[in-house]
Amino acid sequence: QVQLVESGGGLVQAGGSLRLSCAASGLTFSRRAMGWFRHAPVKEREFVAVIRGWSGVSTYYADSVKGRFTISRDNAKNTVYLQMNSLKPEDTAVYYCAARSSVVVTADANEYDYWGQGTQVTVSS
């Protein structure tokens, strides 16, 4: 059974940092591109970042987080991370990690096969 479990969310002041983690089990983690998405109230789900399978040499970010967020992976730990710096109130959302059956990166949520339950990030002004 595939499981993706996010952690690391919480309440932080604007300008602060958080590091999200997503622990995966039940799948060949290293062979899968891993993405982060977020969903804020009254907004549609939004792509945040994705990292290529295997070495993770390729990454891709939404313009809204580029330069502030960093995605990384540790294949030995079956874990993908999202380091979030210089947080803004508009970053407030539930953050989800997702896995797809390909090493190739994509921002299209429909291309992902498995999703975690999400972790809440709240940024106060």
PDB file of N, CA and C in Angstrom:
ATOM      1  N   GLN A   1       0.845  -1.189   0.000  1.00  0.00           N
ATOM      2  CA  GLN A   1       0.000   0.000   0.000  1.00  0.00           C
ATOM      3  C   GLN A   1       0.886   1.247   0.000  1.00  0.00           C
ATOM      4  N   VAL A   2       0.606   2.123  -0.942  1.00  0.00           N
ATOM      5  CA  VAL A   2       1.396   3.343  -1.067  1.00  0.00           C
ATOM      6  C   VAL A   2       0.936   4.361  -0.024  1.00  0.00           C
ATOM      7  N   GLN A   3       1.909   4.961   0.631  1.00  0.00           N
ATOM      8  CA  GLN A   3       1.609   6.030   1.586  1.00  0.00           C
ATOM      9  C   GLN A   3       2.583   7.174   1.386  1.00  0.00           C
ATOM     10  N   LEU A   4       2.046   8.378   1.390  1.00  0.00           N
ATOM     11  CA  LEU A   4       2.832   9.606   1.405  1.00  0.00           C
ATOM     12  C   LEU A   4       2.387  10.385   2.630  1.00  0.00           C
ATOM     13  N   VAL A   5       3.322  10.661   3.525  1.00  0.00           N
ATOM     14  CA  VAL A   5       2.979  11.320   4.781  1.00  0.00           C
ATOM     15  C   VAL A   5       3.780  12.606   4.908  1.00  0.00           C
ATOM     16  N   GLU A   6       3.063  13.719   4.873  1.00  0.00           N
ATOM     17  CA  GLU A   6       3.712  15.022   5.003  1.00  0.00           C
ATOM     18  C   GLU A   6       3.834  15.413   6.473  1.00  0.00           C
ATOM     19  N   SER A   7       4.854  16.208   6.759  1.00  0.00           N
ATOM     20  CA  SER A   7       5.034  16.755   8.094  1.00  0.00           C
ATOM     21  C   SER A   7       5.803  18.056   7.986  1.00  0.00           C
ATOM     22  N   GLY A   8       5.831  18.810   9.089  1.00  0.00           N
ATOM     23  CA  GLY A   8       6.622  20.027   9.127  1.00  0.00           C
ATOM     24  C   GLY A   8       5.830  21.313   8.986  1.00  0.00           C
ATOM     25  N   GLY A   9       4.536  21.209   8.755  1.00  0.00           N
ATOM     26  CA  GLY A   9       3.731  22.416   8.651  1.00  0.00           C
ATOM     27  C   GLY A   9       3.559  23.081  10.004  1.00  0.00           C
ATOM     28  N   GLY A  10       2.970  24.277   9.993  1.00  0.00           N
ATOM     29  CA  GLY A  10       2.740  24.987  11.233  1.00  0.00           C
ATOM     30  C   GLY A  10       2.454  26.449  10.995  1.00  0.00           C
ATOM     31  N   LEU A  11       2.523  27.204  12.085  1.00  0.00           N
ATOM     32  CA  LEU A  11       2.276  28.643  12.051  1.00  0.00           C
ATOM     33  C   LEU A  11       3.615  29.375  12.131  1.00  0.00           C
ATOM     34  N   VAL A  12       3.821  30.313  11.232  1.00  0.00           N
ATOM     35  CA  VAL A  12       5.074  31.073  11.205  1.00  0.00           C
ATOM     36  C   VAL A  12       4.769  32.511  10.806  1.00  0.00           C
ATOM     37  N   GLN A  13       5.590  33.424  11.262  1.00  0.00           N
ATOM     38  CA  GLN A  13       5.426  34.821  10.887  1.00  0.00           C
ATOM     39  C   GLN A  13       5.983  35.074   9.491  1.00  0.00           C
ATOM     40  N   ALA A  14       5.463  36.088   8.858  1.00  0.00           N
ATOM     41  CA  ALA A  14       5.968  36.477   7.541  1.00  0.00           C
ATOM     42  C   ALA A  14       7.478  36.714   7.617  1.00  0.00           C
ATOM     43  N   GLY A  15       8.179  36.214   6.617  1.00  0.00           N
ATOM     44  CA  GLY A  15       9.626  36.301   6.594  1.00  0.00           C
ATOM     45  C   GLY A  15      10.324  35.099   7.195  1.00  0.00           C
ATOM     46  N   GLY A  16       9.565  34.254   7.852  1.00  0.00           N
ATOM     47  CA  GLY A  16      10.126  33.076   8.484  1.00  0.00           C
ATOM     48  C   GLY A  16      10.309  31.910   7.527  1.00  0.00           C
ATOM     49  N   SER A  17      10.716  30.775   8.096  1.00  0.00           N
ATOM     50  CA  SER A  17      11.009  29.579   7.283  1.00  0.00           C
ATOM     51  C   SER A  17      10.346  28.348   7.884  1.00  0.00           C
ATOM     52  N   LEU A  18      10.058  27.404   7.019  1.00  0.00           N
ATOM     53  CA  LEU A  18       9.596  26.082   7.412  1.00  0.00           C
ATOM     54  C   LEU A  18      10.200  25.071   6.456  1.00  0.00           C
ATOM     55  N   ARG A  19      10.358  23.851   6.944  1.00  0.00           N
ATOM     56  CA  ARG A  19      10.825  22.759   6.096  1.00  0.00           C
ATOM     57  C   ARG A  19       9.803  21.638   6.157  1.00  0.00           C
ATOM     58  N   LEU A  20       9.192  21.378   5.028  1.00  0.00           N
ATOM     59  CA  LEU A  20       8.246  20.287   4.926  1.00  0.00           C
ATOM     60  C   LEU A  20       8.966  19.008   4.518  1.00  0.00           C
ATOM     61  N   SER A  21       8.470  17.892   5.023  1.00  0.00           N
ATOM     62  CA  SER A  21       8.981  16.580   4.639  1.00  0.00           C
ATOM     63  C   SER A  21       7.832  15.716   4.156  1.00  0.00           C
ATOM     64  N   CYS A  22       8.140  14.810   3.265  1.00  0.00           N
ATOM     65  CA  CYS A  22       7.146  13.849   2.781  1.00  0.00           C
ATOM     66  C   CYS A  22       7.822  12.485   2.735  1.00  0.00           C
ATOM     67  N   ALA A  23       7.403  11.610   3.626  1.00  0.00           N
ATOM     68  CA  ALA A  23       7.958  10.259   3.686  1.00  0.00           C
ATOM     69  C   ALA A  23       7.092   9.312   2.872  1.00  0.00           C
ATOM     70  N   ALA A  24       7.723   8.594   1.955  1.00  0.00           N
ATOM     71  CA  ALA A  24       6.999   7.697   1.058  1.00  0.00           C
ATOM     72  C   ALA A  24       7.275   6.244   1.409  1.00  0.00           C
ATOM     73  N   SER A  25       6.271   5.402   1.217  1.00  0.00           N
ATOM     74  CA  SER A  25       6.435   3.962   1.408  1.00  0.00           C
ATOM     75  C   SER A  25       5.529   3.234   0.436  1.00  0.00           C
ATOM     76  N   GLY A  26       5.905   1.974   0.151  1.00  0.00           N
ATOM     77  CA  GLY A  26       5.078   1.157  -0.734  1.00  0.00           C
ATOM     78  C   GLY A  26       5.274   1.417  -2.208  1.00  0.00           C
ATOM     79  N   LEU A  27       6.300   2.166  -2.575  1.00  0.00           N
ATOM     80  CA  LEU A  27       6.579   2.424  -3.983  1.00  0.00           C
ATOM     81  C   LEU A  27       8.090   2.547  -4.202  1.00  0.00           C
ATOM     82  N   THR A  28       8.483   2.469  -5.474  1.00  0.00           N
ATOM     83  CA  THR A  28       9.906   2.616  -5.821  1.00  0.00           C
ATOM     84  C   THR A  28      10.218   4.099  -5.883  1.00  0.00           C
ATOM     85  N   PHE A  29      10.510   4.662  -4.755  1.00  0.00           N
ATOM     86  CA  PHE A  29      10.617   6.111  -4.599  1.00  0.00           C
ATOM     87  C   PHE A  29      11.614   6.717  -5.572  1.00  0.00           C
ATOM     88  N   SER A  30      12.776   6.117  -5.697  1.00  0.00           N
ATOM     89  CA  SER A  30      13.849   6.736  -6.478  1.00  0.00           C
ATOM     90  C   SER A  30      13.474   6.904  -7.947  1.00  0.00           C
ATOM     91  N   ARG A  31      12.544   6.096  -8.444  1.00  0.00           N
ATOM     92  CA  ARG A  31      12.190   6.127  -9.860  1.00  0.00           C
ATOM     93  C   ARG A  31      11.071   7.117 -10.165  1.00  0.00           C
ATOM     94  N   ARG A  32      10.640   7.841  -9.174  1.00  0.00           N
ATOM     95  CA  ARG A  32       9.477   8.697  -9.363  1.00  0.00           C
ATOM     96  C   ARG A  32       9.823  10.171  -9.188  1.00  0.00           C
ATOM     97  N   ALA A  33       9.313  10.983 -10.093  1.00  0.00           N
ATOM     98  CA  ALA A  33       9.333  12.418  -9.850  1.00  0.00           C
ATOM     99  C   ALA A  33       8.387  12.708  -8.690  1.00  0.00           C
ATOM    100  N   MET A  34       8.787  13.629  -7.850  1.00  0.00           N
ATOM    101  CA  MET A  34       7.996  13.991  -6.671  1.00  0.00           C
ATOM    102  C   MET A  34       7.660  15.473  -6.724  1.00  0.00           C
ATOM    103  N   GLY A  35       6.407  15.779  -6.469  1.00  0.00           N
ATOM    104  CA  GLY A  35       5.978  17.171  -6.535  1.00  0.00           C
ATOM    105  C   GLY A  35       5.338  17.644  -5.243  1.00  0.00           C
ATOM    106  N   TRP A  36       5.321  18.960  -5.100  1.00  0.00           N
ATOM    107  CA  TRP A  36       4.577  19.615  -4.021  1.00  0.00           C
ATOM    108  C   TRP A  36       3.526  20.522  -4.660  1.00  0.00           C
ATOM    109  N   PHE A  37       2.328  20.467  -4.102  1.00  0.00           N
ATOM    110  CA  PHE A  37       1.231  21.314  -4.512  1.00  0.00           C
ATOM    111  C   PHE A  37       0.640  21.954  -3.266  1.00  0.00           C
ATOM    112  N   ARG A  38      -0.165  22.979  -3.463  1.00  0.00           N
ATOM    113  CA  ARG A  38      -0.824  23.588  -2.315  1.00  0.00           C
ATOM    114  C   ARG A  38      -2.242  24.000  -2.684  1.00  0.00           C
ATOM    115  N   HIS A  39      -3.071  24.073  -1.656  1.00  0.00           N
ATOM    116  CA  HIS A  39      -4.469  24.423  -1.851  1.00  0.00           C
ATOM    117  C   HIS A  39      -4.875  25.374  -0.743  1.00  0.00           C
ATOM    118  N   ALA A  40      -5.158  26.606  -1.139  1.00  0.00           N
ATOM    119  CA  ALA A  40      -5.615  27.620  -0.197  1.00  0.00           C
ATOM    120  C   ALA A  40      -7.135  27.770  -0.304  1.00  0.00           C
ATOM    121  N   PRO A  41      -7.768  28.235   0.763  1.00  0.00           N
ATOM    122  CA  PRO A  41      -9.220  28.427   0.735  1.00  0.00           C
ATOM    123  C   PRO A  41      -9.638  29.333  -0.419  1.00  0.00           C
ATOM    124  N   VAL A  42     -10.711  29.010  -1.041  1.00  0.00           N
ATOM    125  CA  VAL A  42     -11.322  29.733  -2.164  1.00  0.00           C
ATOM    126  C   VAL A  42     -10.386  29.863  -3.356  1.00  0.00           C
ATOM    127  N   LYS A  43      -9.351  29.054  -3.405  1.00  0.00           N
ATOM    128  CA  LYS A  43      -8.454  29.034  -4.556  1.00  0.00           C
ATOM    129  C   LYS A  43      -8.373  27.621  -5.108  1.00  0.00           C
ATOM    130  N   GLU A  44      -7.928  27.515  -6.349  1.00  0.00           N
ATOM    131  CA  GLU A  44      -7.705  26.199  -6.923  1.00  0.00           C
ATOM    132  C   GLU A  44      -6.371  25.642  -6.444  1.00  0.00           C
ATOM    133  N   ARG A  45      -6.249  24.321  -6.531  1.00  0.00           N
ATOM    134  CA  ARG A  45      -4.972  23.696  -6.202  1.00  0.00           C
ATOM    135  C   ARG A  45      -3.878  24.254  -7.120  1.00  0.00           C
ATOM    136  N   GLU A  46      -2.727  24.471  -6.546  1.00  0.00           N
ATOM    137  CA  GLU A  46      -1.645  25.160  -7.256  1.00  0.00           C
ATOM    138  C   GLU A  46      -0.359  24.356  -7.193  1.00  0.00           C
ATOM    139  N   PHE A  47       0.314  24.249  -8.313  1.00  0.00           N
ATOM    140  CA  PHE A  47       1.626  23.620  -8.363  1.00  0.00           C
ATOM    141  C   PHE A  47       2.638  24.489  -7.618  1.00  0.00           C
ATOM    142  N   VAL A  48       3.550  23.843  -6.890  1.00  0.00           N
ATOM    143  CA  VAL A  48       4.594  24.561  -6.164  1.00  0.00           C
ATOM    144  C   VAL A  48       5.981  24.211  -6.705  1.00  0.00           C
ATOM    145  N   ALA A  49       6.322  22.927  -6.692  1.00  0.00           N
ATOM    146  CA  ALA A  49       7.662  22.517  -7.100  1.00  0.00           C
ATOM    147  C   ALA A  49       7.657  21.030  -7.421  1.00  0.00           C
ATOM    148  N   VAL A  50       8.634  20.610  -8.212  1.00  0.00           N
ATOM    149  CA  VAL A  50       8.776  19.195  -8.552  1.00  0.00           C
ATOM    150  C   VAL A  50      10.256  18.891  -8.731  1.00  0.00           C
ATOM    151  N   ILE A  51      10.618  17.645  -8.439  1.00  0.00           N
ATOM    152  CA  ILE A  51      12.004  17.207  -8.582  1.00  0.00           C
ATOM    153  C   ILE A  51      12.017  15.891  -9.351  1.00  0.00           C
ATOM    154  N   ARG A  52      12.972  15.770 -10.237  1.00  0.00           N
ATOM    155  CA  ARG A  52      13.079  14.599 -11.091  1.00  0.00           C
ATOM    156  C   ARG A  52      13.428  13.352 -10.281  1.00  0.00           C
ATOM    157  N   GLY A  53      13.030  12.184 -10.805  1.00  0.00           N
ATOM    158  CA  GLY A  53      13.392  10.923 -10.186  1.00  0.00           C
ATOM    159  C   GLY A  53      14.864  10.630 -10.357  1.00  0.00           C
ATOM    160  N   TRP A  54      15.333   9.577  -9.681  1.00  0.00           N
ATOM    161  CA  TRP A  54      16.736   9.170  -9.647  1.00  0.00           C
ATOM    162  C   TRP A  54      17.584  10.248  -8.967  1.00  0.00           C
ATOM    163  N   SER A  55      18.396  10.948  -9.707  1.00  0.00           N
ATOM    164  CA  SER A  55      19.337  11.877  -9.072  1.00  0.00           C
ATOM    165  C   SER A  55      18.690  13.158  -8.594  1.00  0.00           C
ATOM    166  N   GLY A  56      17.526  13.492  -9.124  1.00  0.00           N
ATOM    167  CA  GLY A  56      16.899  14.749  -8.732  1.00  0.00           C
ATOM    168  C   GLY A  56      17.627  15.962  -9.280  1.00  0.00           C
ATOM    169  N   VAL A  57      18.352  15.774 -10.370  1.00  0.00           N
ATOM    170  CA  VAL A  57      19.158  16.867 -10.899  1.00  0.00           C
ATOM    171  C   VAL A  57      18.281  17.972 -11.471  1.00  0.00           C
ATOM    172  N   SER A  58      17.071  17.619 -11.920  1.00  0.00           N
ATOM    173  CA  SER A  58      16.179  18.630 -12.483  1.00  0.00           C
ATOM    174  C   SER A  58      15.101  19.002 -11.487  1.00  0.00           C
ATOM    175  N   THR A  59      14.906  20.294 -11.335  1.00  0.00           N
ATOM    176  CA  THR A  59      13.820  20.803 -10.501  1.00  0.00           C
ATOM    177  C   THR A  59      13.083  21.890 -11.265  1.00  0.00           C
ATOM    178  N   TYR A  60      11.854  22.121 -10.850  1.00  0.00           N
ATOM    179  CA  TYR A  60      11.024  23.124 -11.522  1.00  0.00           C
ATOM    180  C   TYR A  60      10.119  23.736 -10.477  1.00  0.00           C
ATOM    181  N   TYR A  61       9.979  25.078 -10.527  1.00  0.00           N
ATOM    182  CA  TYR A  61       9.226  25.801  -9.509  1.00  0.00           C
ATOM    183  C   TYR A  61       8.164  26.703 -10.131  1.00  0.00           C
ATOM    184  N   ALA A  62       7.125  26.916  -9.369  1.00  0.00           N
ATOM    185  CA  ALA A  62       6.165  27.939  -9.747  1.00  0.00           C
ATOM    186  C   ALA A  62       6.828  29.307  -9.607  1.00  0.00           C
ATOM    187  N   ASP A  63       6.454  30.232 -10.447  1.00  0.00           N
ATOM    188  CA  ASP A  63       7.046  31.573 -10.397  1.00  0.00           C
ATOM    189  C   ASP A  63       6.841  32.224  -9.029  1.00  0.00           C
ATOM    190  N   SER A  64       5.737  31.907  -8.396  1.00  0.00           N
ATOM    191  CA  SER A  64       5.401  32.549  -7.126  1.00  0.00           C
ATOM    192  C   SER A  64       6.335  32.144  -5.979  1.00  0.00           C
ATOM    193  N   VAL A  65       7.054  31.034  -6.145  1.00  0.00           N
ATOM    194  CA  VAL A  65       7.936  30.568  -5.069  1.00  0.00           C
ATOM    195  C   VAL A  65       9.401  30.514  -5.481  1.00  0.00           C
ATOM    196  N   LYS A  66       9.668  30.768  -6.735  1.00  0.00           N
ATOM    197  CA  LYS A  66      11.038  30.669  -7.236  1.00  0.00           C
ATOM    198  C   LYS A  66      11.957  31.621  -6.477  1.00  0.00           C
ATOM    199  N   GLY A  67      13.093  31.101  -6.048  1.00  0.00           N
ATOM    200  CA  GLY A  67      14.045  31.899  -5.289  1.00  0.00           C
ATOM    201  C   GLY A  67      13.801  31.880  -3.790  1.00  0.00           C
ATOM    202  N   ARG A  68      12.647  31.391  -3.376  1.00  0.00           N
ATOM    203  CA  ARG A  68      12.326  31.317  -1.936  1.00  0.00           C
ATOM    204  C   ARG A  68      12.210  29.874  -1.448  1.00  0.00           C
ATOM    205  N   PHE A  69      11.716  28.982  -2.297  1.00  0.00           N
ATOM    206  CA  PHE A  69      11.520  27.578  -1.934  1.00  0.00           C
ATOM    207  C   PHE A  69      12.558  26.713  -2.641  1.00  0.00           C
ATOM    208  N   THR A  70      12.947  25.627  -1.967  1.00  0.00           N
ATOM    209  CA  THR A  70      13.877  24.657  -2.553  1.00  0.00           C
ATOM    210  C   THR A  70      13.367  23.253  -2.303  1.00  0.00           C
ATOM    211  N   ILE A  71      13.249  22.487  -3.368  1.00  0.00           N
ATOM    212  CA  ILE A  71      12.840  21.091  -3.254  1.00  0.00           C
ATOM    213  C   ILE A  71      14.081  20.213  -3.343  1.00  0.00           C
ATOM    214  N   SER A  72      14.094  19.152  -2.556  1.00  0.00           N
ATOM    215  CA  SER A  72      15.220  18.205  -2.580  1.00  0.00           C
ATOM    216  C   SER A  72      14.688  16.825  -2.216  1.00  0.00           C
ATOM    217  N   ARG A  73      15.525  15.824  -2.429  1.00  0.00           N
ATOM    218  CA  ARG A  73      15.107  14.451  -2.111  1.00  0.00           C
ATOM    219  C   ARG A  73      16.273  13.666  -1.545  1.00  0.00           C
ATOM    220  N   ASP A  74      15.929  12.679  -0.724  1.00  0.00           N
ATOM    221  CA  ASP A  74      16.903  11.741  -0.182  1.00  0.00           C
ATOM    222  C   ASP A  74      16.361  10.348  -0.492  1.00  0.00           C
ATOM    223  N   ASN A  75      16.888   9.726  -1.530  1.00  0.00           N
ATOM    224  CA  ASN A  75      16.366   8.426  -1.957  1.00  0.00           C
ATOM    225  C   ASN A  75      16.627   7.335  -0.921  1.00  0.00           C
ATOM    226  N   ALA A  76      17.685   7.480  -0.149  1.00  0.00           N
ATOM    227  CA  ALA A  76      17.980   6.494   0.896  1.00  0.00           C
ATOM    228  C   ALA A  76      16.920   6.506   1.992  1.00  0.00           C
ATOM    229  N   LYS A  77      16.290   7.663   2.173  1.00  0.00           N
ATOM    230  CA  LYS A  77      15.260   7.808   3.211  1.00  0.00           C
ATOM    231  C   LYS A  77      13.850   7.834   2.635  1.00  0.00           C
ATOM    232  N   ASN A  78      13.740   7.694   1.313  1.00  0.00           N
ATOM    233  CA  ASN A  78      12.430   7.757   0.653  1.00  0.00           C
ATOM    234  C   ASN A  78      11.666   9.022   1.049  1.00  0.00           C
ATOM    235  N   THR A  79      12.363  10.127   1.051  1.00  0.00           N
ATOM    236  CA  THR A  79      11.785  11.368   1.542  1.00  0.00           C
ATOM    237  C   THR A  79      12.079  12.520   0.591  1.00  0.00           C
ATOM    238  N   VAL A  80      11.077  13.355   0.383  1.00  0.00           N
ATOM    239  CA  VAL A  80      11.253  14.581  -0.371  1.00  0.00           C
ATOM    240  C   VAL A  80      10.982  15.750   0.570  1.00  0.00           C
ATOM    241  N   TYR A  81      11.724  16.826   0.366  1.00  0.00           N
ATOM    242  CA  TYR A  81      11.650  17.980   1.250  1.00  0.00           C
ATOM    243  C   TYR A  81      11.251  19.235   0.473  1.00  0.00           C
ATOM    244  N   LEU A  82      10.696  20.184   1.195  1.00  0.00           N
ATOM    245  CA  LEU A  82      10.438  21.501   0.632  1.00  0.00           C
ATOM    246  C   LEU A  82      10.882  22.527   1.671  1.00  0.00           C
ATOM    247  N   GLN A  83      12.014  23.155   1.409  1.00  0.00           N
ATOM    248  CA  GLN A  83      12.509  24.217   2.269  1.00  0.00           C
ATOM    249  C   GLN A  83      11.866  25.518   1.830  1.00  0.00           C
ATOM    250  N   MET A  84      11.167  26.163   2.739  1.00  0.00           N
ATOM    251  CA  MET A  84      10.426  27.377   2.409  1.00  0.00           C
ATOM    252  C   MET A  84      10.997  28.534   3.225  1.00  0.00           C
ATOM    253  N   ASN A  85      11.567  29.503   2.537  1.00  0.00           N
ATOM    254  CA  ASN A  85      12.141  30.681   3.174  1.00  0.00           C
ATOM    255  C   ASN A  85      11.376  31.927   2.763  1.00  0.00           C
ATOM    256  N   SER A  86      11.585  32.998   3.502  1.00  0.00           N
ATOM    257  CA  SER A  86      10.939  34.279   3.192  1.00  0.00           C
ATOM    258  C   SER A  86       9.444  34.093   2.965  1.00  0.00           C
ATOM    259  N   LEU A  87       8.813  33.407   3.874  1.00  0.00           N
ATOM    260  CA  LEU A  87       7.401  33.089   3.709  1.00  0.00           C
ATOM    261  C   LEU A  87       6.529  34.343   3.763  1.00  0.00           C
ATOM    262  N   LYS A  88       5.455  34.290   2.980  1.00  0.00           N
ATOM    263  CA  LYS A  88       4.516  35.395   2.875  1.00  0.00           C
ATOM    264  C   LYS A  88       3.115  34.911   3.276  1.00  0.00           C
ATOM    265  N   PRO A  89       2.261  35.813   3.703  1.00  0.00           N
ATOM    266  CA  PRO A  89       0.892  35.386   4.043  1.00  0.00           C
ATOM    267  C   PRO A  89       0.191  34.651   2.906  1.00  0.00           C
ATOM    268  N   GLU A  90       0.507  35.015   1.679  1.00  0.00           N
ATOM    269  CA  GLU A  90      -0.136  34.346   0.537  1.00  0.00           C
ATOM    270  C   GLU A  90       0.365  32.926   0.325  1.00  0.00           C
ATOM    271  N   ASP A  91       1.369  32.511   1.078  1.00  0.00           N
ATOM    272  CA  ASP A  91       1.818  31.112   1.035  1.00  0.00           C
ATOM    273  C   ASP A  91       0.955  30.213   1.922  1.00  0.00           C
ATOM    274  N   THR A  92       0.053  30.809   2.687  1.00  0.00           N
ATOM    275  CA  THR A  92      -0.820  30.037   3.556  1.00  0.00           C
ATOM    276  C   THR A  92      -1.681  29.078   2.740  1.00  0.00           C
ATOM    277  N   ALA A  93      -1.617  27.800   3.087  1.00  0.00           N
ATOM    278  CA  ALA A  93      -2.342  26.765   2.337  1.00  0.00           C
ATOM    279  C   ALA A  93      -2.090  25.416   2.988  1.00  0.00           C
ATOM    280  N   VAL A  94      -2.832  24.422   2.532  1.00  0.00           N
ATOM    281  CA  VAL A  94      -2.491  23.037   2.833  1.00  0.00           C
ATOM    282  C   VAL A  94      -1.540  22.567   1.739  1.00  0.00           C
ATOM    283  N   TYR A  95      -0.413  22.028   2.138  1.00  0.00           N
ATOM    284  CA  TYR A  95       0.611  21.581   1.201  1.00  0.00           C
ATOM    285  C   TYR A  95       0.569  20.063   1.079  1.00  0.00           C
ATOM    286  N   TYR A  96       0.566  19.601  -0.169  1.00  0.00           N
ATOM    287  CA  TYR A  96       0.494  18.175  -0.459  1.00  0.00           C
ATOM    288  C   TYR A  96       1.725  17.739  -1.253  1.00  0.00           C
ATOM    289  N   CYS A  97       2.232  16.565  -0.947  1.00  0.00           N
ATOM    290  CA  CYS A  97       3.225  15.976  -1.837  1.00  0.00           C
ATOM    291  C   CYS A  97       2.544  14.924  -2.704  1.00  0.00           C
ATOM    292  N   ALA A  98       3.144  14.681  -3.856  1.00  0.00           N
ATOM    293  CA  ALA A  98       2.558  13.764  -4.813  1.00  0.00           C
ATOM    294  C   ALA A  98       3.665  13.032  -5.560  1.00  0.00           C
ATOM    295  N   ALA A  99       3.361  11.813  -5.992  1.00  0.00           N
ATOM    296  CA  ALA A  99       4.320  10.987  -6.718  1.00  0.00           C
ATOM    297  C   ALA A  99       3.732  10.581  -8.069  1.00  0.00           C
ATOM    298  N   ARG A 100       4.578  10.551  -9.085  1.00  0.00           N
ATOM    299  CA  ARG A 100       4.097  10.119 -10.390  1.00  0.00           C
ATOM    300  C   ARG A 100       4.926   8.930 -10.884  1.00  0.00           C
ATOM    301  N   SER A 101       4.393   8.191 -11.842  1.00  0.00           N
ATOM    302  CA  SER A 101       5.035   6.974 -12.336  1.00  0.00           C
ATOM    303  C   SER A 101       5.989   7.280 -13.467  1.00  0.00           C
ATOM    304  N   SER A 102       6.852   8.232 -13.232  1.00  0.00           N
ATOM    305  CA  SER A 102       7.844   8.643 -14.223  1.00  0.00           C
ATOM    306  C   SER A 102       8.899   9.461 -13.503  1.00  0.00           C
ATOM    307  N   VAL A 103      10.094   9.470 -14.061  1.00  0.00           N
ATOM    308  CA  VAL A 103      11.139  10.307 -13.475  1.00  0.00           C
ATOM    309  C   VAL A 103      11.021  11.755 -13.937  1.00  0.00           C
ATOM    310  N   VAL A 104      10.227  11.985 -14.976  1.00  0.00           N
ATOM    311  CA  VAL A 104      10.180  13.280 -15.633  1.00  0.00           C
ATOM    312  C   VAL A 104       9.334  14.262 -14.833  1.00  0.00           C
ATOM    313  N   VAL A 105       9.810  15.482 -14.738  1.00  0.00           N
ATOM    314  CA  VAL A 105       9.083  16.498 -13.983  1.00  0.00           C
ATOM    315  C   VAL A 105       7.909  17.045 -14.794  1.00  0.00           C
ATOM    316  N   THR A 106       6.855  17.405 -14.080  1.00  0.00           N
ATOM    317  CA  THR A 106       5.701  18.059 -14.680  1.00  0.00           C
ATOM    318  C   THR A 106       4.970  18.833 -13.599  1.00  0.00           C
ATOM    319  N   ALA A 107       4.322  19.911 -14.001  1.00  0.00           N
ATOM    320  CA  ALA A 107       3.521  20.708 -13.081  1.00  0.00           C
ATOM    321  C   ALA A 107       2.051  20.333 -13.145  1.00  0.00           C
ATOM    322  N   ASP A 108       1.714  19.380 -14.006  1.00  0.00           N
ATOM    323  CA  ASP A 108       0.322  18.978 -14.208  1.00  0.00           C
ATOM    324  C   ASP A 108      -0.097  17.997 -13.125  1.00  0.00           C
ATOM    325  N   ALA A 109      -1.006  18.420 -12.260  1.00  0.00           N
ATOM    326  CA  ALA A 109      -1.442  17.566 -11.154  1.00  0.00           C
ATOM    327  C   ALA A 109      -2.080  16.271 -11.642  1.00  0.00           C
ATOM    328  N   ASN A 110      -2.654  16.284 -12.821  1.00  0.00           N
ATOM    329  CA  ASN A 110      -3.305  15.078 -13.354  1.00  0.00           C
ATOM    330  C   ASN A 110      -2.309  13.974 -13.692  1.00  0.00           C
ATOM    331  N   GLU A 111      -1.045  14.312 -13.744  1.00  0.00           N
ATOM    332  CA  GLU A 111       0.001  13.345 -14.080  1.00  0.00           C
ATOM    333  C   GLU A 111       0.534  12.619 -12.851  1.00  0.00           C
ATOM    334  N   TYR A 112       0.014  12.920 -11.683  1.00  0.00           N
ATOM    335  CA  TYR A 112       0.498  12.306 -10.446  1.00  0.00           C
ATOM    336  C   TYR A 112      -0.469  11.210  -9.987  1.00  0.00           C
ATOM    337  N   ASP A 113       0.112  10.104  -9.532  1.00  0.00           N
ATOM    338  CA  ASP A 113      -0.680   8.927  -9.199  1.00  0.00           C
ATOM    339  C   ASP A 113      -1.048   8.844  -7.726  1.00  0.00           C
ATOM    340  N   TYR A 114      -0.198   9.348  -6.872  1.00  0.00           N
ATOM    341  CA  TYR A 114      -0.406   9.210  -5.431  1.00  0.00           C
ATOM    342  C   TYR A 114      -0.248  10.557  -4.753  1.00  0.00           C
ATOM    343  N   TRP A 115      -1.075  10.742  -3.728  1.00  0.00           N
ATOM    344  CA  TRP A 115      -1.084  12.006  -2.987  1.00  0.00           C
ATOM    345  C   TRP A 115      -1.085  11.746  -1.488  1.00  0.00           C
ATOM    346  N   GLY A 116      -0.436  12.661  -0.765  1.00  0.00           N
ATOM    347  CA  GLY A 116      -0.496  12.607   0.683  1.00  0.00           C
ATOM    348  C   GLY A 116      -1.749  13.298   1.202  1.00  0.00           C
ATOM    349  N   GLN A 117      -1.893  13.314   2.521  1.00  0.00           N
ATOM    350  CA  GLN A 117      -3.064  13.914   3.160  1.00  0.00           C
ATOM    351  C   GLN A 117      -2.913  15.418   3.367  1.00  0.00           C
ATOM    352  N   GLY A 118      -1.704  15.917   3.270  1.00  0.00           N
ATOM    353  CA  GLY A 118      -1.482  17.352   3.381  1.00  0.00           C
ATOM    354  C   GLY A 118      -1.046  17.793   4.761  1.00  0.00           C
ATOM    355  N   THR A 119      -0.368  18.935   4.797  1.00  0.00           N
ATOM    356  CA  THR A 119       0.039  19.555   6.043  1.00  0.00           C
ATOM    357  C   THR A 119      -0.241  21.053   5.940  1.00  0.00           C
ATOM    358  N   GLN A 120      -0.796  21.616   6.986  1.00  0.00           N
ATOM    359  CA  GLN A 120      -1.211  23.020   6.971  1.00  0.00           C
ATOM    360  C   GLN A 120      -0.022  23.938   7.238  1.00  0.00           C
ATOM    361  N   VAL A 121       0.101  24.943   6.393  1.00  0.00           N
ATOM    362  CA  VAL A 121       1.088  26.013   6.591  1.00  0.00           C
ATOM    363  C   VAL A 121       0.320  27.325   6.704  1.00  0.00           C
ATOM    364  N   THR A 122       0.535  28.033   7.790  1.00  0.00           N
ATOM    365  CA  THR A 122      -0.115  29.309   8.009  1.00  0.00           C
ATOM    366  C   THR A 122       0.939  30.370   8.272  1.00  0.00           C
ATOM    367  N   VAL A 123       0.905  31.430   7.473  1.00  0.00           N
ATOM    368  CA  VAL A 123       1.884  32.504   7.591  1.00  0.00           C
ATOM    369  C   VAL A 123       1.138  33.763   8.039  1.00  0.00           C
ATOM    370  N   SER A 124       1.500  34.265   9.191  1.00  0.00           N
ATOM    371  CA  SER A 124       0.835  35.450   9.726  1.00  0.00           C
ATOM    372  C   SER A 124       1.592  36.710   9.320  1.00  0.00           C
ATOM    373  N   SER A 125       0.842  37.784   9.155  1.00  0.00           N
ATOM    374  CA  SER A 125       1.465  39.053   8.727  1.00  0.00           C
ATOM    375  C   SER A 125       1.906  39.883   9.922  1.00  0.00           C
TER     376      SER A 125
END
